[in-house]
Amino acid sequence: MPLIEVTLVEGRTPEQLRTLITRLTDAAETALGAPRAAVRVILREVPAAHWAAGDVTIQERIEEQPWT
């Protein structure tokens, strides 16, 4: 039973998340020959202020964009 875990920043629509689940399931089914019913997908959404790279959070990067 394949388990696919994805961590992403909050803010996607329910439709986008549903599409991601479907496409990940399709990929596991195709690439691994896994039965569709056996594929598990977990999406973890993280607030932008809780995700950082190089000591700068994604929220800080968003706020610093000149076009916003």
PDB file of N, CA and C in Angstrom:
ATOM      1  N   MET A   1       0.837  -1.164   0.000  1.00  0.00           N
ATOM      2  CA  MET A   1       0.000   0.000   0.000  1.00  0.00           C
ATOM      3  C   MET A   1       0.896   1.245   0.000  1.00  0.00           C
ATOM      4  N   PRO A   2       0.980   1.963  -1.108  1.00  0.00           N
ATOM      5  CA  PRO A   2       1.773   3.187  -1.153  1.00  0.00           C
ATOM      6  C   PRO A   2       1.137   4.283  -0.298  1.00  0.00           C
ATOM      7  N   LEU A   3       1.984   4.994   0.414  1.00  0.00           N
ATOM      8  CA  LEU A   3       1.555   6.149   1.184  1.00  0.00           C
ATOM      9  C   LEU A   3       2.332   7.355   0.670  1.00  0.00           C
ATOM     10  N   ILE A   4       1.621   8.347   0.170  1.00  0.00           N
ATOM     11  CA  ILE A   4       2.231   9.561  -0.361  1.00  0.00           C
ATOM     12  C   ILE A   4       1.891  10.700   0.589  1.00  0.00           C
ATOM     13  N   GLU A   5       2.923  11.347   1.133  1.00  0.00           N
ATOM     14  CA  GLU A   5       2.718  12.475   2.031  1.00  0.00           C
ATOM     15  C   GLU A   5       3.257  13.736   1.384  1.00  0.00           C
ATOM     16  N   VAL A   6       2.454  14.782   1.404  1.00  0.00           N
ATOM     17  CA  VAL A   6       2.844  16.056   0.798  1.00  0.00           C
ATOM     18  C   VAL A   6       2.623  17.152   1.834  1.00  0.00           C
ATOM     19  N   THR A   7       3.641  17.972   2.021  1.00  0.00           N
ATOM     20  CA  THR A   7       3.520  19.129   2.894  1.00  0.00           C
ATOM     21  C   THR A   7       3.580  20.365   2.018  1.00  0.00           C
ATOM     22  N   LEU A   8       2.597  21.251   2.191  1.00  0.00           N
ATOM     23  CA  LEU A   8       2.556  22.465   1.392  1.00  0.00           C
ATOM     24  C   LEU A   8       2.004  23.611   2.223  1.00  0.00           C
ATOM     25  N   VAL A   9       2.292  24.807   1.778  1.00  0.00           N
ATOM     26  CA  VAL A   9       1.813  25.995   2.470  1.00  0.00           C
ATOM     27  C   VAL A   9       0.313  26.130   2.252  1.00  0.00           C
ATOM     28  N   GLU A  10      -0.398  26.538   3.284  1.00  0.00           N
ATOM     29  CA  GLU A  10      -1.831  26.764   3.184  1.00  0.00           C
ATOM     30  C   GLU A  10      -2.151  27.765   2.080  1.00  0.00           C
ATOM     31  N   GLY A  11      -3.374  27.650   1.550  1.00  0.00           N
ATOM     32  CA  GLY A  11      -3.829  28.657   0.613  1.00  0.00           C
ATOM     33  C   GLY A  11      -4.397  28.114  -0.683  1.00  0.00           C
ATOM     34  N   ARG A  12      -4.285  26.823  -0.909  1.00  0.00           N
ATOM     35  CA  ARG A  12      -4.877  26.247  -2.122  1.00  0.00           C
ATOM     36  C   ARG A  12      -6.369  26.052  -1.917  1.00  0.00           C
ATOM     37  N   THR A  13      -7.084  26.059  -3.012  1.00  0.00           N
ATOM     38  CA  THR A  13      -8.521  25.828  -2.949  1.00  0.00           C
ATOM     39  C   THR A  13      -8.793  24.341  -2.733  1.00  0.00           C
ATOM     40  N   PRO A  14      -9.976  24.003  -2.228  1.00  0.00           N
ATOM     41  CA  PRO A  14     -10.336  22.584  -2.116  1.00  0.00           C
ATOM     42  C   PRO A  14     -10.240  21.863  -3.465  1.00  0.00           C
ATOM     43  N   GLU A  15     -10.571  22.557  -4.539  1.00  0.00           N
ATOM     44  CA  GLU A  15     -10.501  21.952  -5.870  1.00  0.00           C
ATOM     45  C   GLU A  15      -9.050  21.635  -6.245  1.00  0.00           C
ATOM     46  N   GLN A  16      -8.126  22.532  -5.936  1.00  0.00           N
ATOM     47  CA  GLN A  16      -6.712  22.285  -6.230  1.00  0.00           C
ATOM     48  C   GLN A  16      -6.190  21.096  -5.422  1.00  0.00           C
ATOM     49  N   LEU A  17      -6.565  21.033  -4.168  1.00  0.00           N
ATOM     50  CA  LEU A  17      -6.126  19.922  -3.327  1.00  0.00           C
ATOM     51  C   LEU A  17      -6.714  18.604  -3.820  1.00  0.00           C
ATOM     52  N   ARG A  18      -7.958  18.619  -4.245  1.00  0.00           N
ATOM     53  CA  ARG A  18      -8.601  17.406  -4.769  1.00  0.00           C
ATOM     54  C   ARG A  18      -7.906  16.944  -6.033  1.00  0.00           C
ATOM     55  N   THR A  19      -7.552  17.887  -6.901  1.00  0.00           N
ATOM     56  CA  THR A  19      -6.832  17.558  -8.137  1.00  0.00           C
ATOM     57  C   THR A  19      -5.477  16.947  -7.816  1.00  0.00           C
ATOM     58  N   LEU A  20      -4.779  17.508  -6.836  1.00  0.00           N
ATOM     59  CA  LEU A  20      -3.485  16.964  -6.433  1.00  0.00           C
ATOM     60  C   LEU A  20      -3.632  15.530  -5.949  1.00  0.00           C
ATOM     61  N   ILE A  21      -4.618  15.264  -5.123  1.00  0.00           N
ATOM     62  CA  ILE A  21      -4.856  13.902  -4.633  1.00  0.00           C
ATOM     63  C   ILE A  21      -5.089  12.942  -5.799  1.00  0.00           C
ATOM     64  N   THR A  22      -5.923  13.352  -6.739  1.00  0.00           N
ATOM     65  CA  THR A  22      -6.225  12.494  -7.890  1.00  0.00           C
ATOM     66  C   THR A  22      -4.974  12.222  -8.712  1.00  0.00           C
ATOM     67  N   ARG A  23      -4.204  13.250  -8.987  1.00  0.00           N
ATOM     68  CA  ARG A  23      -3.010  13.066  -9.831  1.00  0.00           C
ATOM     69  C   ARG A  23      -1.927  12.249  -9.133  1.00  0.00           C
ATOM     70  N   LEU A  24      -1.789  12.420  -7.828  1.00  0.00           N
ATOM     71  CA  LEU A  24      -0.832  11.592  -7.097  1.00  0.00           C
ATOM     72  C   LEU A  24      -1.271  10.133  -7.092  1.00  0.00           C
ATOM     73  N   THR A  25      -2.554   9.912  -6.913  1.00  0.00           N
ATOM     74  CA  THR A  25      -3.091   8.553  -6.957  1.00  0.00           C
ATOM     75  C   THR A  25      -2.879   7.945  -8.330  1.00  0.00           C
ATOM     76  N   ASP A  26      -3.175   8.721  -9.376  1.00  0.00           N
ATOM     77  CA  ASP A  26      -2.944   8.250 -10.747  1.00  0.00           C
ATOM     78  C   ASP A  26      -1.481   7.869 -10.957  1.00  0.00           C
ATOM     79  N   ALA A  27      -0.571   8.709 -10.467  1.00  0.00           N
ATOM     80  CA  ALA A  27       0.863   8.462 -10.650  1.00  0.00           C
ATOM     81  C   ALA A  27       1.301   7.174  -9.959  1.00  0.00           C
ATOM     82  N   ALA A  28       0.840   6.956  -8.736  1.00  0.00           N
ATOM     83  CA  ALA A  28       1.205   5.730  -8.025  1.00  0.00           C
ATOM     84  C   ALA A  28       0.634   4.498  -8.710  1.00  0.00           C
ATOM     85  N   GLU A  29      -0.577   4.624  -9.186  1.00  0.00           N
ATOM     86  CA  GLU A  29      -1.215   3.516  -9.888  1.00  0.00           C
ATOM     87  C   GLU A  29      -0.438   3.169 -11.161  1.00  0.00           C
ATOM     88  N   THR A  30      -0.057   4.195 -11.912  1.00  0.00           N
ATOM     89  CA  THR A  30       0.656   3.995 -13.169  1.00  0.00           C
ATOM     90  C   THR A  30       2.097   3.533 -12.949  1.00  0.00           C
ATOM     91  N   ALA A  31       2.812   4.228 -12.095  1.00  0.00           N
ATOM     92  CA  ALA A  31       4.241   3.948 -11.912  1.00  0.00           C
ATOM     93  C   ALA A  31       4.498   2.655 -11.158  1.00  0.00           C
ATOM     94  N   LEU A  32       3.636   2.333 -10.201  1.00  0.00           N
ATOM     95  CA  LEU A  32       3.890   1.183  -9.340  1.00  0.00           C
ATOM     96  C   LEU A  32       2.986  -0.006  -9.615  1.00  0.00           C
ATOM     97  N   GLY A  33       1.945   0.234 -10.397  1.00  0.00           N
ATOM     98  CA  GLY A  33       0.965  -0.830 -10.618  1.00  0.00           C
ATOM     99  C   GLY A  33       0.142  -1.099  -9.365  1.00  0.00           C
ATOM    100  N   ALA A  34       0.098  -0.106  -8.482  1.00  0.00           N
ATOM    101  CA  ALA A  34      -0.642  -0.271  -7.230  1.00  0.00           C
ATOM    102  C   ALA A  34      -2.141  -0.206  -7.496  1.00  0.00           C
ATOM    103  N   PRO A  35      -2.909  -1.031  -6.820  1.00  0.00           N
ATOM    104  CA  PRO A  35      -4.363  -0.905  -6.944  1.00  0.00           C
ATOM    105  C   PRO A  35      -4.801   0.458  -6.409  1.00  0.00           C
ATOM    106  N   ARG A  36      -5.650   1.125  -7.144  1.00  0.00           N
ATOM    107  CA  ARG A  36      -6.097   2.476  -6.783  1.00  0.00           C
ATOM    108  C   ARG A  36      -6.598   2.545  -5.339  1.00  0.00           C
ATOM    109  N   ALA A  37      -7.340   1.557  -4.929  1.00  0.00           N
ATOM    110  CA  ALA A  37      -7.906   1.546  -3.577  1.00  0.00           C
ATOM    111  C   ALA A  37      -6.841   1.403  -2.493  1.00  0.00           C
ATOM    112  N   ALA A  38      -5.642   0.994  -2.877  1.00  0.00           N
ATOM    113  CA  ALA A  38      -4.566   0.808  -1.900  1.00  0.00           C
ATOM    114  C   ALA A  38      -3.696   2.047  -1.732  1.00  0.00           C
ATOM    115  N   VAL A  39      -3.863   3.031  -2.587  1.00  0.00           N
ATOM    116  CA  VAL A  39      -3.035   4.240  -2.529  1.00  0.00           C
ATOM    117  C   VAL A  39      -3.584   5.175  -1.460  1.00  0.00           C
ATOM    118  N   ARG A  40      -2.700   5.617  -0.582  1.00  0.00           N
ATOM    119  CA  ARG A  40      -3.060   6.564   0.476  1.00  0.00           C
ATOM    120  C   ARG A  40      -2.336   7.884   0.208  1.00  0.00           C
ATOM    121  N   VAL A  41      -3.054   8.997   0.370  1.00  0.00           N
ATOM    122  CA  VAL A  41      -2.466  10.327   0.190  1.00  0.00           C
ATOM    123  C   VAL A  41      -2.791  11.154   1.425  1.00  0.00           C
ATOM    124  N   ILE A  42      -1.762  11.759   1.988  1.00  0.00           N
ATOM    125  CA  ILE A  42      -1.935  12.665   3.122  1.00  0.00           C
ATOM    126  C   ILE A  42      -1.393  14.027   2.716  1.00  0.00           C
ATOM    127  N   LEU A  43      -2.237  15.040   2.820  1.00  0.00           N
ATOM    128  CA  LEU A  43      -1.809  16.415   2.560  1.00  0.00           C
ATOM    129  C   LEU A  43      -1.721  17.128   3.900  1.00  0.00           C
ATOM    130  N   ARG A  44      -0.593  17.755   4.136  1.00  0.00           N
ATOM    131  CA  ARG A  44      -0.401  18.538   5.357  1.00  0.00           C
ATOM    132  C   ARG A  44      -0.209  19.988   4.944  1.00  0.00           C
ATOM    133  N   GLU A  45      -1.097  20.831   5.414  1.00  0.00           N
ATOM    134  CA  GLU A  45      -0.992  22.250   5.105  1.00  0.00           C
ATOM    135  C   GLU A  45      -0.373  22.977   6.304  1.00  0.00           C
ATOM    136  N   VAL A  46       0.609  23.795   6.009  1.00  0.00           N
ATOM    137  CA  VAL A  46       1.359  24.513   7.030  1.00  0.00           C
ATOM    138  C   VAL A  46       1.158  26.010   6.827  1.00  0.00           C
ATOM    139  N   PRO A  47       0.919  26.757   7.902  1.00  0.00           N
ATOM    140  CA  PRO A  47       0.825  28.203   7.749  1.00  0.00           C
ATOM    141  C   PRO A  47       2.147  28.769   7.208  1.00  0.00           C
ATOM    142  N   ALA A  48       2.050  29.790   6.384  1.00  0.00           N
ATOM    143  CA  ALA A  48       3.241  30.390   5.767  1.00  0.00           C
ATOM    144  C   ALA A  48       4.218  30.905   6.812  1.00  0.00           C
ATOM    145  N   ALA A  49       3.729  31.295   7.973  1.00  0.00           N
ATOM    146  CA  ALA A  49       4.607  31.797   9.035  1.00  0.00           C
ATOM    147  C   ALA A  49       5.348  30.670   9.754  1.00  0.00           C
ATOM    148  N   HIS A  50       4.971  29.413   9.474  1.00  0.00           N
ATOM    149  CA  HIS A  50       5.598  28.269  10.139  1.00  0.00           C
ATOM    150  C   HIS A  50       6.578  27.529   9.239  1.00  0.00           C
ATOM    151  N   TRP A  51       6.895  28.081   8.082  1.00  0.00           N
ATOM    152  CA  TRP A  51       7.790  27.420   7.129  1.00  0.00           C
ATOM    153  C   TRP A  51       8.857  28.427   6.736  1.00  0.00           C
ATOM    154  N   ALA A  52      10.111  28.064   6.961  1.00  0.00           N
ATOM    155  CA  ALA A  52      11.197  29.000   6.684  1.00  0.00           C
ATOM    156  C   ALA A  52      12.342  28.318   5.950  1.00  0.00           C
ATOM    157  N   ALA A  53      13.046  29.103   5.188  1.00  0.00           N
ATOM    158  CA  ALA A  53      14.286  28.677   4.538  1.00  0.00           C
ATOM    159  C   ALA A  53      15.254  29.850   4.644  1.00  0.00           C
ATOM    160  N   GLY A  54      16.460  29.565   5.065  1.00  0.00           N
ATOM    161  CA  GLY A  54      17.439  30.634   5.202  1.00  0.00           C
ATOM    162  C   GLY A  54      17.015  31.679   6.224  1.00  0.00           C
ATOM    163  N   ASP A  55      16.320  31.246   7.268  1.00  0.00           N
ATOM    164  CA  ASP A  55      15.863  32.114   8.358  1.00  0.00           C
ATOM    165  C   ASP A  55      14.833  33.148   7.916  1.00  0.00           C
ATOM    166  N   VAL A  56      14.165  32.902   6.800  1.00  0.00           N
ATOM    167  CA  VAL A  56      13.095  33.786   6.327  1.00  0.00           C
ATOM    168  C   VAL A  56      11.865  32.921   6.088  1.00  0.00           C
ATOM    169  N   THR A  57      10.753  33.301   6.710  1.00  0.00           N
ATOM    170  CA  THR A  57       9.541  32.513   6.514  1.00  0.00           C
ATOM    171  C   THR A  57       8.916  32.826   5.156  1.00  0.00           C
ATOM    172  N   ILE A  58       8.087  31.929   4.714  1.00  0.00           N
ATOM    173  CA  ILE A  58       7.376  32.167   3.455  1.00  0.00           C
ATOM    174  C   ILE A  58       6.494  33.398   3.595  1.00  0.00           C
ATOM    175  N   GLN A  59       5.878  33.572   4.776  1.00  0.00           N
ATOM    176  CA  GLN A  59       5.048  34.756   5.005  1.00  0.00           C
ATOM    177  C   GLN A  59       5.864  36.034   4.846  1.00  0.00           C
ATOM    178  N   GLU A  60       7.066  36.053   5.381  1.00  0.00           N
ATOM    179  CA  GLU A  60       7.937  37.227   5.235  1.00  0.00           C
ATOM    180  C   GLU A  60       8.291  37.474   3.768  1.00  0.00           C
ATOM    181  N   ARG A  61       8.544  36.398   3.035  1.00  0.00           N
ATOM    182  CA  ARG A  61       8.846  36.545   1.605  1.00  0.00           C
ATOM    183  C   ARG A  61       7.648  37.118   0.852  1.00  0.00           C
ATOM    184  N   ILE A  62       6.447  36.637   1.182  1.00  0.00           N
ATOM    185  CA  ILE A  62       5.231  37.136   0.533  1.00  0.00           C
ATOM    186  C   ILE A  62       5.067  38.628   0.822  1.00  0.00           C
ATOM    187  N   GLU A  63       5.270  39.014   2.064  1.00  0.00           N
ATOM    188  CA  GLU A  63       5.092  40.411   2.458  1.00  0.00           C
ATOM    189  C   GLU A  63       6.141  41.335   1.833  1.00  0.00           C
ATOM    190  N   GLU A  64       7.293  40.787   1.484  1.00  0.00           N
ATOM    191  CA  GLU A  64       8.365  41.591   0.895  1.00  0.00           C
ATOM    192  C   GLU A  64       8.241  41.753  -0.609  1.00  0.00           C
ATOM    193  N   GLN A  65       7.316  41.039  -1.248  1.00  0.00           N
ATOM    194  CA  GLN A  65       7.190  41.120  -2.700  1.00  0.00           C
ATOM    195  C   GLN A  65       6.763  42.509  -3.115  1.00  0.00           C
ATOM    196  N   PRO A  66       7.457  43.104  -4.073  1.00  0.00           N
ATOM    197  CA  PRO A  66       7.129  44.485  -4.482  1.00  0.00           C
ATOM    198  C   PRO A  66       5.790  44.627  -5.197  1.00  0.00           C
ATOM    199  N   TRP A  67       5.258  43.534  -5.727  1.00  0.00           N
ATOM    200  CA  TRP A  67       4.016  43.639  -6.504  1.00  0.00           C
ATOM    201  C   TRP A  67       2.776  43.454  -5.637  1.00  0.00           C
ATOM    202  N   THR A  68       2.926  43.239  -4.349  1.00  0.00           N
ATOM    203  CA  THR A  68       1.749  43.056  -3.492  1.00  0.00           C
ATOM    204  C   THR A  68       1.361  44.341  -2.822  1.00  0.00           C
TER     205      THR A  68
END
